[in-house]
Amino acid sequence: MGRDNKQGKSKNKSSLPQTPKNEKIAPQAAKEETAQELLELESLVAKNKQKNRQK
């Protein structure tokens, strides 16, 4: 049953999308950016909790 599978190899394998060099960032910068976003999210959650308590 598997021998007559006519799908063959993928022709897209050699042309995978790449990130342009001008859009790449250092791993440490990515970690700092993620930490900053998490901090902002935490502060927004705290503000929303305070709003809900005041109602």
N, C-alpha and C. Protein backbone atom coordinates (compact mmCIF):
# COMPACT_ATOMS: atom_id res chain seq x y z
N MET A 1 0.82 -1.19 0.00
CA MET A 1 0.00 0.00 0.00
C MET A 1 0.87 1.26 0.00
N GLY A 2 1.97 1.29 0.74
CA GLY A 2 2.82 2.46 0.83
C GLY A 2 3.72 2.66 -0.36
N ARG A 3 3.95 1.61 -1.17
CA ARG A 3 4.89 1.73 -2.27
C ARG A 3 4.37 2.57 -3.42
N ASP A 4 3.09 2.64 -3.60
CA ASP A 4 2.56 3.39 -4.72
C ASP A 4 2.12 4.80 -4.33
N ASN A 5 2.61 5.28 -3.19
CA ASN A 5 2.31 6.64 -2.76
C ASN A 5 3.12 7.60 -3.64
N LYS A 6 2.45 8.39 -4.45
CA LYS A 6 3.12 9.21 -5.48
C LYS A 6 3.45 10.62 -5.00
N GLN A 7 3.49 10.86 -3.70
CA GLN A 7 3.72 12.22 -3.23
C GLN A 7 5.15 12.68 -3.42
N GLY A 8 6.12 11.85 -3.25
CA GLY A 8 7.51 12.22 -3.47
C GLY A 8 8.03 13.22 -2.43
N LYS A 9 9.24 13.72 -2.67
CA LYS A 9 9.85 14.68 -1.76
C LYS A 9 9.26 16.07 -1.96
N SER A 10 9.32 16.85 -0.90
CA SER A 10 8.85 18.23 -0.97
C SER A 10 9.85 19.07 -1.75
N LYS A 11 9.36 19.88 -2.67
CA LYS A 11 10.23 20.75 -3.45
C LYS A 11 10.49 22.07 -2.73
N ASN A 12 9.80 22.30 -1.63
CA ASN A 12 9.95 23.56 -0.88
C ASN A 12 11.04 23.47 0.18
N LYS A 13 11.66 22.33 0.32
CA LYS A 13 12.62 22.12 1.40
C LYS A 13 13.83 23.05 1.30
N SER A 14 14.28 23.34 0.11
CA SER A 14 15.48 24.17 -0.04
C SER A 14 15.17 25.66 0.03
N SER A 15 13.91 26.06 0.04
CA SER A 15 13.58 27.48 0.04
C SER A 15 12.72 27.86 1.25
N LEU A 16 13.19 27.49 2.43
CA LEU A 16 12.46 27.85 3.64
C LEU A 16 12.60 29.34 3.90
N PRO A 17 11.58 29.98 4.47
CA PRO A 17 11.66 31.41 4.74
C PRO A 17 12.75 31.73 5.76
N GLN A 18 13.46 32.79 5.53
CA GLN A 18 14.55 33.20 6.40
C GLN A 18 14.27 34.59 6.98
N THR A 19 14.79 34.84 8.16
CA THR A 19 14.65 36.16 8.76
C THR A 19 15.73 37.07 8.19
N PRO A 20 15.37 38.22 7.67
CA PRO A 20 16.39 39.14 7.14
C PRO A 20 17.36 39.58 8.25
N LYS A 21 18.61 39.81 7.86
CA LYS A 21 19.63 40.17 8.85
C LYS A 21 19.29 41.44 9.61
N ASN A 22 18.63 42.40 8.95
CA ASN A 22 18.33 43.66 9.63
C ASN A 22 17.18 43.51 10.63
N GLU A 23 16.47 42.38 10.66
CA GLU A 23 15.38 42.16 11.61
C GLU A 23 15.77 41.24 12.77
N LYS A 24 16.97 40.68 12.70
CA LYS A 24 17.42 39.78 13.76
C LYS A 24 17.87 40.60 14.97
N ILE A 25 17.63 40.05 16.18
CA ILE A 25 18.10 40.70 17.39
C ILE A 25 18.88 39.69 18.21
N ALA A 26 19.73 40.19 19.09
CA ALA A 26 20.56 39.33 19.92
C ALA A 26 19.67 38.57 20.92
N PRO A 27 20.07 37.36 21.31
CA PRO A 27 19.28 36.59 22.27
C PRO A 27 19.05 37.33 23.58
N GLN A 28 20.05 38.04 24.07
CA GLN A 28 19.89 38.78 25.33
C GLN A 28 18.85 39.89 25.17
N ALA A 29 18.84 40.55 24.02
CA ALA A 29 17.86 41.60 23.77
C ALA A 29 16.45 41.01 23.71
N ALA A 30 16.33 39.81 23.17
CA ALA A 30 15.02 39.15 23.11
C ALA A 30 14.53 38.83 24.51
N LYS A 31 15.43 38.36 25.37
CA LYS A 31 15.06 38.05 26.75
C LYS A 31 14.62 39.31 27.49
N GLU A 32 15.34 40.40 27.28
CA GLU A 32 14.99 41.66 27.94
C GLU A 32 13.63 42.16 27.45
N GLU A 33 13.38 42.02 26.16
CA GLU A 33 12.11 42.46 25.60
C GLU A 33 10.95 41.64 26.16
N THR A 34 11.15 40.34 26.28
CA THR A 34 10.12 39.47 26.84
C THR A 34 9.87 39.80 28.30
N ALA A 35 10.93 40.05 29.05
CA ALA A 35 10.78 40.40 30.46
C ALA A 35 10.03 41.71 30.62
N GLN A 36 10.31 42.67 29.77
CA GLN A 36 9.61 43.97 29.82
C GLN A 36 8.12 43.79 29.52
N GLU A 37 7.81 42.97 28.52
CA GLU A 37 6.40 42.75 28.17
C GLU A 37 5.66 42.04 29.31
N LEU A 38 6.31 41.09 29.95
CA LEU A 38 5.68 40.40 31.08
C LEU A 38 5.45 41.35 32.25
N LEU A 39 6.39 42.25 32.47
CA LEU A 39 6.24 43.24 33.54
C LEU A 39 5.05 44.16 33.25
N GLU A 40 4.92 44.60 32.00
CA GLU A 40 3.79 45.44 31.62
C GLU A 40 2.46 44.70 31.80
N LEU A 41 2.44 43.43 31.42
CA LEU A 41 1.23 42.63 31.56
C LEU A 41 0.86 42.48 33.02
N GLU A 42 1.84 42.24 33.86
CA GLU A 42 1.60 42.09 35.30
C GLU A 42 1.01 43.37 35.89
N SER A 43 1.54 44.52 35.48
CA SER A 43 1.03 45.78 36.01
C SER A 43 -0.40 46.04 35.52
N LEU A 44 -0.72 45.67 34.28
CA LEU A 44 -2.08 45.83 33.77
C LEU A 44 -3.07 44.95 34.52
N VAL A 45 -2.65 43.73 34.83
CA VAL A 45 -3.52 42.82 35.58
C VAL A 45 -3.77 43.39 36.97
N ALA A 46 -2.75 43.94 37.61
CA ALA A 46 -2.90 44.52 38.94
C ALA A 46 -3.86 45.71 38.90
N LYS A 47 -3.74 46.54 37.87
CA LYS A 47 -4.63 47.70 37.74
C LYS A 47 -6.08 47.25 37.57
N ASN A 48 -6.29 46.23 36.75
CA ASN A 48 -7.65 45.73 36.52
C ASN A 48 -8.24 45.14 37.79
N LYS A 49 -7.43 44.47 38.58
CA LYS A 49 -7.91 43.92 39.84
C LYS A 49 -8.34 45.04 40.79
N GLN A 50 -7.56 46.11 40.83
CA GLN A 50 -7.90 47.25 41.68
C GLN A 50 -9.20 47.90 41.21
N LYS A 51 -9.39 48.02 39.90
CA LYS A 51 -10.62 48.59 39.36
C LYS A 51 -11.83 47.75 39.76
N ASN A 52 -11.68 46.43 39.65
CA ASN A 52 -12.78 45.54 39.96
C ASN A 52 -13.13 45.58 41.45
N ARG A 53 -12.16 45.79 42.30
CA ARG A 53 -12.41 45.87 43.73
C ARG A 53 -13.18 47.14 44.09
N GLN A 54 -12.90 48.22 43.36
CA GLN A 54 -13.54 49.50 43.66
C GLN A 54 -15.00 49.54 43.23
N LYS A 55 -15.41 48.69 42.34
CA LYS A 55 -16.80 48.70 41.85
C LYS A 55 -17.77 48.19 42.85
